[in-house]
């Protein structure tokens, strides 16, 4: 399978345009951990969300299609290959996305 790439300007993860067309300013993109689970930056992490990774291994999740991008890859190379995909329609990640938007 060929690697898919999102469009990105420079080395800035906030400028990712997902393969599906979603952006930060459209439906939004979410910071996630290496399993694609949305993360929480504060203390008292809400159930369903993951704590901010202590190793700073950050990813960007597209909640529209489930594609996940490695922030390190974008920052290092200026390219945004799809690292992996997750199910955003059902299950734990779908619930974490709902919790994330409720808290935003």
PDB file of N, CA and C in Angstrom:
ATOM      1  N   UNK A   1       0.841  -1.185   0.000  1.00  0.00           N
ATOM      2  CA  UNK A   1       0.000   0.000   0.000  1.00  0.00           C
ATOM      3  C   UNK A   1       0.885   1.247   0.000  1.00  0.00           C
ATOM      4  N   UNK A   2       0.558   2.204  -0.836  1.00  0.00           N
ATOM      5  CA  UNK A   2       1.307   3.451  -0.906  1.00  0.00           C
ATOM      6  C   UNK A   2       0.998   4.322   0.300  1.00  0.00           C
ATOM      7  N   UNK A   3       2.009   5.028   0.759  1.00  0.00           N
ATOM      8  CA  UNK A   3       1.829   5.946   1.877  1.00  0.00           C
ATOM      9  C   UNK A   3       1.036   7.160   1.419  1.00  0.00           C
ATOM     10  N   UNK A   4       0.054   7.538   2.217  1.00  0.00           N
ATOM     11  CA  UNK A   4      -0.714   8.754   1.960  1.00  0.00           C
ATOM     12  C   UNK A   4      -0.037   9.917   2.675  1.00  0.00           C
ATOM     13  N   UNK A   5      -0.129  11.103   2.092  1.00  0.00           N
ATOM     14  CA  UNK A   5       0.440  12.298   2.704  1.00  0.00           C
ATOM     15  C   UNK A   5      -0.603  13.399   2.781  1.00  0.00           C
ATOM     16  N   UNK A   6      -0.639  14.078   3.916  1.00  0.00           N
ATOM     17  CA  UNK A   6      -1.457  15.278   4.058  1.00  0.00           C
ATOM     18  C   UNK A   6      -0.645  16.446   3.541  1.00  0.00           C
ATOM     19  N   UNK A   7      -1.326  17.501   3.150  1.00  0.00           N
ATOM     20  CA  UNK A   7      -0.636  18.741   2.799  1.00  0.00           C
ATOM     21  C   UNK A   7      -0.246  19.436   4.102  1.00  0.00           C
ATOM     22  N   UNK A   8       0.918  20.062   4.102  1.00  0.00           N
ATOM     23  CA  UNK A   8       1.383  20.790   5.282  1.00  0.00           C
ATOM     24  C   UNK A   8       2.265  21.934   4.803  1.00  0.00           C
ATOM     25  N   UNK A   9       2.179  23.064   5.495  1.00  0.00           N
ATOM     26  CA  UNK A   9       3.007  24.218   5.154  1.00  0.00           C
ATOM     27  C   UNK A   9       4.211  24.260   6.081  1.00  0.00           C
ATOM     28  N   UNK A  10       5.387  24.298   5.490  1.00  0.00           N
ATOM     29  CA  UNK A  10       6.598  24.321   6.295  1.00  0.00           C
ATOM     30  C   UNK A  10       6.697  23.063   7.136  1.00  0.00           C
ATOM     31  N   UNK A  11       7.002  23.234   8.378  1.00  0.00           N
ATOM     32  CA  UNK A  11       7.130  22.114   9.313  1.00  0.00           C
ATOM     33  C   UNK A  11       6.129  22.287  10.451  1.00  0.00           C
ATOM     34  N   UNK A  12       4.974  22.872  10.153  1.00  0.00           N
ATOM     35  CA  UNK A  12       4.001  23.278  11.168  1.00  0.00           C
ATOM     36  C   UNK A  12       2.786  22.350  11.185  1.00  0.00           C
ATOM     37  N   UNK A  13       2.650  21.550  12.252  1.00  0.00           N
ATOM     38  CA  UNK A  13       1.540  20.603  12.338  1.00  0.00           C
ATOM     39  C   UNK A  13       0.178  21.289  12.367  1.00  0.00           C
ATOM     40  N   UNK A  14       0.141  22.556  12.758  1.00  0.00           N
ATOM     41  CA  UNK A  14      -1.154  23.249  12.802  1.00  0.00           C
ATOM     42  C   UNK A  14      -1.678  23.598  11.416  1.00  0.00           C
ATOM     43  N   UNK A  15      -0.850  23.389  10.380  1.00  0.00           N
ATOM     44  CA  UNK A  15      -1.277  23.688   9.013  1.00  0.00           C
ATOM     45  C   UNK A  15      -1.651  22.436   8.225  1.00  0.00           C
ATOM     46  N   UNK A  16      -1.716  21.296   8.893  1.00  0.00           N
ATOM     47  CA  UNK A  16      -2.052  20.048   8.190  1.00  0.00           C
ATOM     48  C   UNK A  16      -3.437  20.164   7.551  1.00  0.00           C
ATOM     49  N   UNK A  17      -3.498  19.762   6.283  1.00  0.00           N
ATOM     50  CA  UNK A  17      -4.774  19.526   5.612  1.00  0.00           C
ATOM     51  C   UNK A  17      -4.824  18.024   5.390  1.00  0.00           C
ATOM     52  N   UNK A  18      -5.672  17.364   6.149  1.00  0.00           N
ATOM     53  CA  UNK A  18      -5.772  15.909   6.097  1.00  0.00           C
ATOM     54  C   UNK A  18      -6.090  15.433   4.685  1.00  0.00           C
ATOM     55  N   UNK A  19      -5.757  14.196   4.416  1.00  0.00           N
ATOM     56  CA  UNK A  19      -6.073  13.585   3.129  1.00  0.00           C
ATOM     57  C   UNK A  19      -7.565  13.731   2.821  1.00  0.00           C
ATOM     58  N   UNK A  20      -8.412  13.702   3.860  1.00  0.00           N
ATOM     59  CA  UNK A  20      -9.869  13.817   3.671  1.00  0.00           C
ATOM     60  C   UNK A  20     -10.323  15.261   3.461  1.00  0.00           C
ATOM     61  N   UNK A  21      -9.395  16.231   3.628  1.00  0.00           N
ATOM     62  CA  UNK A  21      -9.740  17.641   3.439  1.00  0.00           C
ATOM     63  C   UNK A  21      -9.963  18.418   4.727  1.00  0.00           C
ATOM     64  N   UNK A  22     -10.011  17.736   5.856  1.00  0.00           N
ATOM     65  CA  UNK A  22     -10.228  18.412   7.134  1.00  0.00           C
ATOM     66  C   UNK A  22      -8.984  19.201   7.543  1.00  0.00           C
ATOM     67  N   UNK A  23      -9.213  20.313   8.246  1.00  0.00           N
ATOM     68  CA  UNK A  23      -8.129  21.150   8.769  1.00  0.00           C
ATOM     69  C   UNK A  23      -8.482  21.589  10.184  1.00  0.00           C
ATOM     70  N   UNK A  24      -7.550  22.275  10.827  1.00  0.00           N
ATOM     71  CA  UNK A  24      -7.796  22.840  12.154  1.00  0.00           C
ATOM     72  C   UNK A  24      -9.015  23.757  12.113  1.00  0.00           C
ATOM     73  N   UNK A  25      -9.147  24.534  11.040  1.00  0.00           N
ATOM     74  CA  UNK A  25     -10.233  25.518  10.971  1.00  0.00           C
ATOM     75  C   UNK A  25     -11.548  24.957  10.420  1.00  0.00           C
ATOM     76  N   UNK A  26     -11.548  23.755   9.902  1.00  0.00           N
ATOM     77  CA  UNK A  26     -12.805  23.145   9.445  1.00  0.00           C
ATOM     78  C   UNK A  26     -13.419  22.387  10.611  1.00  0.00           C
ATOM     79  N   UNK A  27     -13.269  21.070  10.625  1.00  0.00           N
ATOM     80  CA  UNK A  27     -13.835  20.261  11.716  1.00  0.00           C
ATOM     81  C   UNK A  27     -12.870  20.104  12.876  1.00  0.00           C
ATOM     82  N   UNK A  28     -11.649  20.555  12.704  1.00  0.00           N
ATOM     83  CA  UNK A  28     -10.655  20.494  13.766  1.00  0.00           C
ATOM     84  C   UNK A  28      -9.789  19.252  13.705  1.00  0.00           C
ATOM     85  N   UNK A  29      -8.591  19.379  14.247  1.00  0.00           N
ATOM     86  CA  UNK A  29      -7.655  18.269  14.416  1.00  0.00           C
ATOM     87  C   UNK A  29      -7.331  18.205  15.901  1.00  0.00           C
ATOM     88  N   UNK A  30      -7.002  17.026  16.399  1.00  0.00           N
ATOM     89  CA  UNK A  30      -6.839  16.809  17.832  1.00  0.00           C
ATOM     90  C   UNK A  30      -5.455  16.244  18.130  1.00  0.00           C
ATOM     91  N   UNK A  31      -4.800  16.778  19.159  1.00  0.00           N
ATOM     92  CA  UNK A  31      -3.543  16.199  19.629  1.00  0.00           C
ATOM     93  C   UNK A  31      -3.847  14.839  20.235  1.00  0.00           C
ATOM     94  N   UNK A  32      -2.998  13.858  19.902  1.00  0.00           N
ATOM     95  CA  UNK A  32      -3.218  12.491  20.359  1.00  0.00           C
ATOM     96  C   UNK A  32      -1.896  11.845  20.766  1.00  0.00           C
ATOM     97  N   UNK A  33      -2.011  10.660  21.367  1.00  0.00           N
ATOM     98  CA  UNK A  33      -0.805   9.924  21.727  1.00  0.00           C
ATOM     99  C   UNK A  33      -0.456   8.934  20.614  1.00  0.00           C
ATOM    100  N   UNK A  34       0.534   8.098  20.861  1.00  0.00           N
ATOM    101  CA  UNK A  34       1.024   7.170  19.838  1.00  0.00           C
ATOM    102  C   UNK A  34       0.039   6.057  19.509  1.00  0.00           C
ATOM    103  N   UNK A  35      -1.087   5.992  20.206  1.00  0.00           N
ATOM    104  CA  UNK A  35      -2.144   5.038  19.873  1.00  0.00           C
ATOM    105  C   UNK A  35      -3.337   5.730  19.224  1.00  0.00           C
ATOM    106  N   UNK A  36      -3.238   7.059  19.029  1.00  0.00           N
ATOM    107  CA  UNK A  36      -4.320   7.806  18.398  1.00  0.00           C
ATOM    108  C   UNK A  36      -5.390   8.268  19.357  1.00  0.00           C
ATOM    109  N   UNK A  37      -5.150   8.133  20.665  1.00  0.00           N
ATOM    110  CA  UNK A  37      -6.129   8.540  21.672  1.00  0.00           C
ATOM    111  C   UNK A  37      -5.930  10.015  22.000  1.00  0.00           C
ATOM    112  N   UNK A  38      -6.976  10.830  21.917  1.00  0.00           N
ATOM    113  CA  UNK A  38      -6.853  12.242  22.278  1.00  0.00           C
ATOM    114  C   UNK A  38      -6.257  12.410  23.676  1.00  0.00           C
ATOM    115  N   UNK A  39      -5.389  13.416  23.811  1.00  0.00           N
ATOM    116  CA  UNK A  39      -4.686  13.632  25.070  1.00  0.00           C
ATOM    117  C   UNK A  39      -5.186  14.882  25.773  1.00  0.00           C
ATOM    118  N   UNK A  40      -4.898  14.939  27.069  1.00  0.00           N
ATOM    119  CA  UNK A  40      -5.303  16.053  27.910  1.00  0.00           C
ATOM    120  C   UNK A  40      -4.054  16.632  28.555  1.00  0.00           C
ATOM    121  N   UNK A  41      -3.886  17.940  28.478  1.00  0.00           N
ATOM    122  CA  UNK A  41      -2.653  18.581  28.919  1.00  0.00           C
ATOM    123  C   UNK A  41      -2.619  18.922  30.402  1.00  0.00           C
ATOM    124  N   UNK A  42      -3.728  18.863  31.089  1.00  0.00           N
ATOM    125  CA  UNK A  42      -3.744  19.279  32.487  1.00  0.00           C
ATOM    126  C   UNK A  42      -3.699  18.121  33.468  1.00  0.00           C
ATOM    127  N   UNK A  43      -3.803  18.486  34.730  1.00  0.00           N
ATOM    128  CA  UNK A  43      -3.923  17.477  35.781  1.00  0.00           C
ATOM    129  C   UNK A  43      -5.351  16.934  35.762  1.00  0.00           C
ATOM    130  N   UNK A  44      -5.572  15.883  36.507  1.00  0.00           N
ATOM    131  CA  UNK A  44      -6.905  15.277  36.591  1.00  0.00           C
ATOM    132  C   UNK A  44      -7.450  14.949  35.202  1.00  0.00           C
ATOM    133  N   UNK A  45      -6.768  14.068  34.501  1.00  0.00           N
ATOM    134  CA  UNK A  45      -7.152  13.672  33.145  1.00  0.00           C
ATOM    135  C   UNK A  45      -8.538  13.047  33.182  1.00  0.00           C
ATOM    136  N   UNK A  46      -9.465  13.578  32.382  1.00  0.00           N
ATOM    137  CA  UNK A  46     -10.829  13.022  32.353  1.00  0.00           C
ATOM    138  C   UNK A  46     -10.826  11.568  31.876  1.00  0.00           C
ATOM    139  N   UNK A  47     -11.684  10.740  32.451  1.00  0.00           N
ATOM    140  CA  UNK A  47     -11.794   9.363  31.975  1.00  0.00           C
ATOM    141  C   UNK A  47     -12.065   9.349  30.470  1.00  0.00           C
ATOM    142  N   UNK A  48     -11.371   8.476  29.765  1.00  0.00           N
ATOM    143  CA  UNK A  48     -11.536   8.358  28.316  1.00  0.00           C
ATOM    144  C   UNK A  48     -10.438   9.035  27.536  1.00  0.00           C
ATOM    145  N   UNK A  49      -9.819  10.071  28.121  1.00  0.00           N
ATOM    146  CA  UNK A  49      -8.705  10.747  27.455  1.00  0.00           C
ATOM    147  C   UNK A  49      -7.393  10.199  28.004  1.00  0.00           C
ATOM    148  N   UNK A  50      -6.325  10.383  27.244  1.00  0.00           N
ATOM    149  CA  UNK A  50      -5.001   9.941  27.678  1.00  0.00           C
ATOM    150  C   UNK A  50      -4.239  11.130  28.259  1.00  0.00           C
ATOM    151  N   UNK A  51      -3.326  10.880  29.196  1.00  0.00           N
ATOM    152  CA  UNK A  51      -2.503  11.979  29.707  1.00  0.00           C
ATOM    153  C   UNK A  51      -1.518  12.440  28.634  1.00  0.00           C
ATOM    154  N   UNK A  52      -1.054  13.677  28.788  1.00  0.00           N
ATOM    155  CA  UNK A  52      -0.042  14.208  27.881  1.00  0.00           C
ATOM    156  C   UNK A  52       1.178  13.291  27.981  1.00  0.00           C
ATOM    157  N   UNK A  53       1.722  12.824  26.857  1.00  0.00           N
ATOM    158  CA  UNK A  53       2.853  11.889  26.909  1.00  0.00           C
ATOM    159  C   UNK A  53       4.093  12.527  27.537  1.00  0.00           C
ATOM    160  N   UNK A  54       4.674  11.858  28.509  1.00  0.00           N
ATOM    161  CA  UNK A  54       5.868  12.385  29.167  1.00  0.00           C
ATOM    162  C   UNK A  54       7.047  12.446  28.208  1.00  0.00           C
ATOM    163  N   UNK A  55       7.033  11.603  27.172  1.00  0.00           N
ATOM    164  CA  UNK A  55       8.131  11.614  26.197  1.00  0.00           C
ATOM    165  C   UNK A  55       7.895  12.606  25.059  1.00  0.00           C
ATOM    166  N   UNK A  56       6.784  13.360  25.144  1.00  0.00           N
ATOM    167  CA  UNK A  56       6.429  14.355  24.121  1.00  0.00           C
ATOM    168  C   UNK A  56       6.270  13.747  22.726  1.00  0.00           C
ATOM    169  N   UNK A  57       5.956  12.449  22.651  1.00  0.00           N
ATOM    170  CA  UNK A  57       5.721  11.777  21.373  1.00  0.00           C
ATOM    171  C   UNK A  57       4.278  12.080  20.970  1.00  0.00           C
ATOM    172  N   UNK A  58       4.096  13.186  20.247  1.00  0.00           N
ATOM    173  CA  UNK A  58       2.762  13.696  19.921  1.00  0.00           C
ATOM    174  C   UNK A  58       2.343  13.334  18.506  1.00  0.00           C
ATOM    175  N   UNK A  59       1.047  13.199  18.350  1.00  0.00           N
ATOM    176  CA  UNK A  59       0.438  12.887  17.058  1.00  0.00           C
ATOM    177  C   UNK A  59      -0.740  13.818  16.845  1.00  0.00           C
ATOM    178  N   UNK A  60      -1.150  13.957  15.600  1.00  0.00           N
ATOM    179  CA  UNK A  60      -2.324  14.746  15.255  1.00  0.00           C
ATOM    180  C   UNK A  60      -3.361  13.799  14.661  1.00  0.00           C
ATOM    181  N   UNK A  61      -4.532  13.778  15.273  1.00  0.00           N
ATOM    182  CA  UNK A  61      -5.634  12.909  14.863  1.00  0.00           C
ATOM    183  C   UNK A  61      -6.669  13.710  14.090  1.00  0.00           C
ATOM    184  N   UNK A  62      -7.078  13.176  12.954  1.00  0.00           N
ATOM    185  CA  UNK A  62      -8.208  13.763  12.230  1.00  0.00           C
ATOM    186  C   UNK A  62      -9.463  13.051  12.713  1.00  0.00           C
ATOM    187  N   UNK A  63     -10.328  13.754  13.454  1.00  0.00           N
ATOM    188  CA  UNK A  63     -11.528  13.108  13.982  1.00  0.00           C
ATOM    189  C   UNK A  63     -12.576  12.825  12.912  1.00  0.00           C
ATOM    190  N   UNK A  64     -12.365  13.351  11.715  1.00  0.00           N
ATOM    191  CA  UNK A  64     -13.319  13.105  10.634  1.00  0.00           C
ATOM    192  C   UNK A  64     -13.118  11.738   9.981  1.00  0.00           C
ATOM    193  N   UNK A  65     -11.841  11.347   9.779  1.00  0.00           N
ATOM    194  CA  UNK A  65     -11.575  10.114   9.038  1.00  0.00           C
ATOM    195  C   UNK A  65     -10.715   9.111   9.797  1.00  0.00           C
ATOM    196  N   UNK A  66     -10.081   9.533  10.892  1.00  0.00           N
ATOM    197  CA  UNK A  66      -9.271   8.612  11.672  1.00  0.00           C
ATOM    198  C   UNK A  66      -7.809   8.520  11.278  1.00  0.00           C
ATOM    199  N   UNK A  67      -7.384   9.332  10.331  1.00  0.00           N
ATOM    200  CA  UNK A  67      -5.960   9.322   9.985  1.00  0.00           C
ATOM    201  C   UNK A  67      -5.178  10.009  11.099  1.00  0.00           C
ATOM    202  N   UNK A  68      -3.995   9.468  11.378  1.00  0.00           N
ATOM    203  CA  UNK A  68      -3.153   9.990  12.440  1.00  0.00           C
ATOM    204  C   UNK A  68      -1.783  10.299  11.859  1.00  0.00           C
ATOM    205  N   UNK A  69      -1.255  11.477  12.216  1.00  0.00           N
ATOM    206  CA  UNK A  69       0.024  11.962  11.704  1.00  0.00           C
ATOM    207  C   UNK A  69       1.003  12.149  12.855  1.00  0.00           C
ATOM    208  N   UNK A  70       2.249  11.770  12.651  1.00  0.00           N
ATOM    209  CA  UNK A  70       3.288  11.966  13.660  1.00  0.00           C
ATOM    210  C   UNK A  70       3.768  13.411  13.616  1.00  0.00           C
ATOM    211  N   UNK A  71       3.621  14.123  14.740  1.00  0.00           N
ATOM    212  CA  UNK A  71       4.089  15.511  14.788  1.00  0.00           C
ATOM    213  C   UNK A  71       5.591  15.584  14.557  1.00  0.00           C
ATOM    214  N   UNK A  72       6.343  14.617  15.080  1.00  0.00           N
ATOM    215  CA  UNK A  72       7.798  14.615  14.914  1.00  0.00           C
ATOM    216  C   UNK A  72       8.176  14.509  13.437  1.00  0.00           C
ATOM    217  N   UNK A  73       7.477  13.666  12.689  1.00  0.00           N
ATOM    218  CA  UNK A  73       7.772  13.516  11.260  1.00  0.00           C
ATOM    219  C   UNK A  73       7.529  14.824  10.526  1.00  0.00           C
ATOM    220  N   UNK A  74       6.429  15.498  10.848  1.00  0.00           N
ATOM    221  CA  UNK A  74       6.109  16.774  10.199  1.00  0.00           C
ATOM    222  C   UNK A  74       7.165  17.814  10.546  1.00  0.00           C
ATOM    223  N   UNK A  75       7.503  17.907  11.830  1.00  0.00           N
ATOM    224  CA  UNK A  75       8.468  18.915  12.275  1.00  0.00           C
ATOM    225  C   UNK A  75       9.868  18.663  11.717  1.00  0.00           C
ATOM    226  N   UNK A  76      10.244  17.387  11.572  1.00  0.00           N
ATOM    227  CA  UNK A  76      11.582  17.048  11.079  1.00  0.00           C
ATOM    228  C   UNK A  76      11.701  17.143   9.563  1.00  0.00           C
ATOM    229  N   UNK A  77      10.667  16.693   8.835  1.00  0.00           N
ATOM    230  CA  UNK A  77      10.783  16.577   7.378  1.00  0.00           C
ATOM    231  C   UNK A  77       9.973  17.597   6.591  1.00  0.00           C
ATOM    232  N   UNK A  78       8.975  18.214   7.245  1.00  0.00           N
ATOM    233  CA  UNK A  78       8.082  19.111   6.525  1.00  0.00           C
ATOM    234  C   UNK A  78       7.058  18.359   5.689  1.00  0.00           C
ATOM    235  N   UNK A  79       6.981  17.037   5.879  1.00  0.00           N
ATOM    236  CA  UNK A  79       5.995  16.200   5.193  1.00  0.00           C
ATOM    237  C   UNK A  79       5.116  15.541   6.246  1.00  0.00           C
ATOM    238  N   UNK A  80       3.884  15.195   5.854  1.00  0.00           N
ATOM    239  CA  UNK A  80       2.927  14.619   6.797  1.00  0.00           C
ATOM    240  C   UNK A  80       2.395  13.277   6.289  1.00  0.00           C
ATOM    241  N   UNK A  81       3.212  12.222   6.421  1.00  0.00           N
ATOM    242  CA  UNK A  81       2.695  10.905   6.037  1.00  0.00           C
ATOM    243  C   UNK A  81       1.684  10.409   7.059  1.00  0.00           C
ATOM    244  N   UNK A  82       0.704   9.662   6.594  1.00  0.00           N
ATOM    245  CA  UNK A  82      -0.252   9.049   7.510  1.00  0.00           C
ATOM    246  C   UNK A  82       0.501   7.954   8.269  1.00  0.00           C
ATOM    247  N   UNK A  83       0.556   8.076   9.596  1.00  0.00           N
ATOM    248  CA  UNK A  83       1.255   7.089  10.421  1.00  0.00           C
ATOM    249  C   UNK A  83       0.408   5.825  10.570  1.00  0.00           C
ATOM    250  N   UNK A  84      -0.891   6.015  10.811  1.00  0.00           N
ATOM    251  CA  UNK A  84      -1.832   4.909  10.947  1.00  0.00           C
ATOM    252  C   UNK A  84      -3.244   5.483  10.980  1.00  0.00           C
ATOM    253  N   UNK A  85      -4.241   4.597  10.977  1.00  0.00           N
ATOM    254  CA  UNK A  85      -5.636   5.020  11.059  1.00  0.00           C
ATOM    255  C   UNK A  85      -6.289   4.359  12.264  1.00  0.00           C
ATOM    256  N   UNK A  86      -7.274   5.061  12.832  1.00  0.00           N
ATOM    257  CA  UNK A  86      -8.056   4.533  13.949  1.00  0.00           C
ATOM    258  C   UNK A  86      -9.542   4.661  13.621  1.00  0.00           C
ATOM    259  N   UNK A  87     -10.349   3.913  14.352  1.00  0.00           N
ATOM    260  CA  UNK A  87     -11.805   3.961  14.184  1.00  0.00           C
ATOM    261  C   UNK A  87     -12.347   5.152  14.973  1.00  0.00           C
ATOM    262  N   UNK A  88     -12.880   6.136  14.274  1.00  0.00           N
ATOM    263  CA  UNK A  88     -13.427   7.325  14.937  1.00  0.00           C
ATOM    264  C   UNK A  88     -14.953   7.284  15.028  1.00  0.00           C
ATOM    265  N   UNK A  89     -15.539   6.203  14.535  1.00  0.00           N
ATOM    266  CA  UNK A  89     -16.998   6.102  14.544  1.00  0.00           C
ATOM    267  C   UNK A  89     -17.530   5.353  15.761  1.00  0.00           C
ATOM    268  N   UNK A  90     -16.772   4.392  16.265  1.00  0.00           N
ATOM    269  CA  UNK A  90     -17.222   3.584  17.396  1.00  0.00           C
ATOM    270  C   UNK A  90     -16.039   3.291  18.315  1.00  0.00           C
ATOM    271  N   UNK A  91     -16.331   2.863  19.516  1.00  0.00           N
ATOM    272  CA  UNK A  91     -15.292   2.416  20.429  1.00  0.00           C
ATOM    273  C   UNK A  91     -14.673   3.520  21.261  1.00  0.00           C
ATOM    274  N   UNK A  92     -13.541   3.176  21.877  1.00  0.00           N
ATOM    275  CA  UNK A  92     -12.887   4.055  22.849  1.00  0.00           C
ATOM    276  C   UNK A  92     -12.412   5.371  22.237  1.00  0.00           C
ATOM    277  N   UNK A  93     -11.889   5.341  21.034  1.00  0.00           N
ATOM    278  CA  UNK A  93     -11.390   6.590  20.440  1.00  0.00           C
ATOM    279  C   UNK A  93     -12.550   7.505  20.067  1.00  0.00           C
ATOM    280  N   UNK A  94     -13.626   6.951  19.562  1.00  0.00           N
ATOM    281  CA  UNK A  94     -14.813   7.770  19.263  1.00  0.00           C
ATOM    282  C   UNK A  94     -15.320   8.441  20.535  1.00  0.00           C
ATOM    283  N   UNK A  95     -15.325   7.699  21.641  1.00  0.00           N
ATOM    284  CA  UNK A  95     -15.766   8.262  22.924  1.00  0.00           C
ATOM    285  C   UNK A  95     -14.790   9.344  23.393  1.00  0.00           C
ATOM    286  N   UNK A  96     -13.492   9.113  23.226  1.00  0.00           N
ATOM    287  CA  UNK A  96     -12.491  10.109  23.621  1.00  0.00           C
ATOM    288  C   UNK A  96     -12.634  11.391  22.796  1.00  0.00           C
ATOM    289  N   UNK A  97     -12.953  11.263  21.536  1.00  0.00           N
ATOM    290  CA  UNK A  97     -13.170  12.448  20.685  1.00  0.00           C
ATOM    291  C   UNK A  97     -14.366  13.237  21.214  1.00  0.00           C
ATOM    292  N   UNK A  98     -15.430  12.537  21.558  1.00  0.00           N
ATOM    293  CA  UNK A  98     -16.620  13.208  22.106  1.00  0.00           C
ATOM    294  C   UNK A  98     -16.255  13.954  23.397  1.00  0.00           C
ATOM    295  N   UNK A  99     -15.524  13.307  24.273  1.00  0.00           N
ATOM    296  CA  UNK A  99     -15.120  13.921  25.535  1.00  0.00           C
ATOM    297  C   UNK A  99     -14.224  15.135  25.264  1.00  0.00           C
ATOM    298  N   UNK A 100     -13.306  14.992  24.333  1.00  0.00           N
ATOM    299  CA  UNK A 100     -12.413  16.106  23.984  1.00  0.00           C
ATOM    300  C   UNK A 100     -13.222  17.336  23.554  1.00  0.00           C
ATOM    301  N   UNK A 101     -14.181  17.153  22.641  1.00  0.00           N
ATOM    302  CA  UNK A 101     -14.953  18.302  22.144  1.00  0.00           C
ATOM    303  C   UNK A 101     -15.831  18.890  23.244  1.00  0.00           C
ATOM    304  N   UNK A 102     -16.346  18.058  24.136  1.00  0.00           N
ATOM    305  CA  UNK A 102     -17.152  18.584  25.247  1.00  0.00           C
ATOM    306  C   UNK A 102     -16.331  19.480  26.156  1.00  0.00           C
ATOM    307  N   UNK A 103     -15.051  19.183  26.291  1.00  0.00           N
ATOM    308  CA  UNK A 103     -14.168  19.932  27.193  1.00  0.00           C
ATOM    309  C   UNK A 103     -13.493  21.114  26.506  1.00  0.00           C
ATOM    310  N   UNK A 104     -13.622  21.202  25.199  1.00  0.00           N
ATOM    311  CA  UNK A 104     -12.963  22.298  24.444  1.00  0.00           C
ATOM    312  C   UNK A 104     -13.806  23.543  24.420  1.00  0.00           C
TER     313      UNK A 104
END
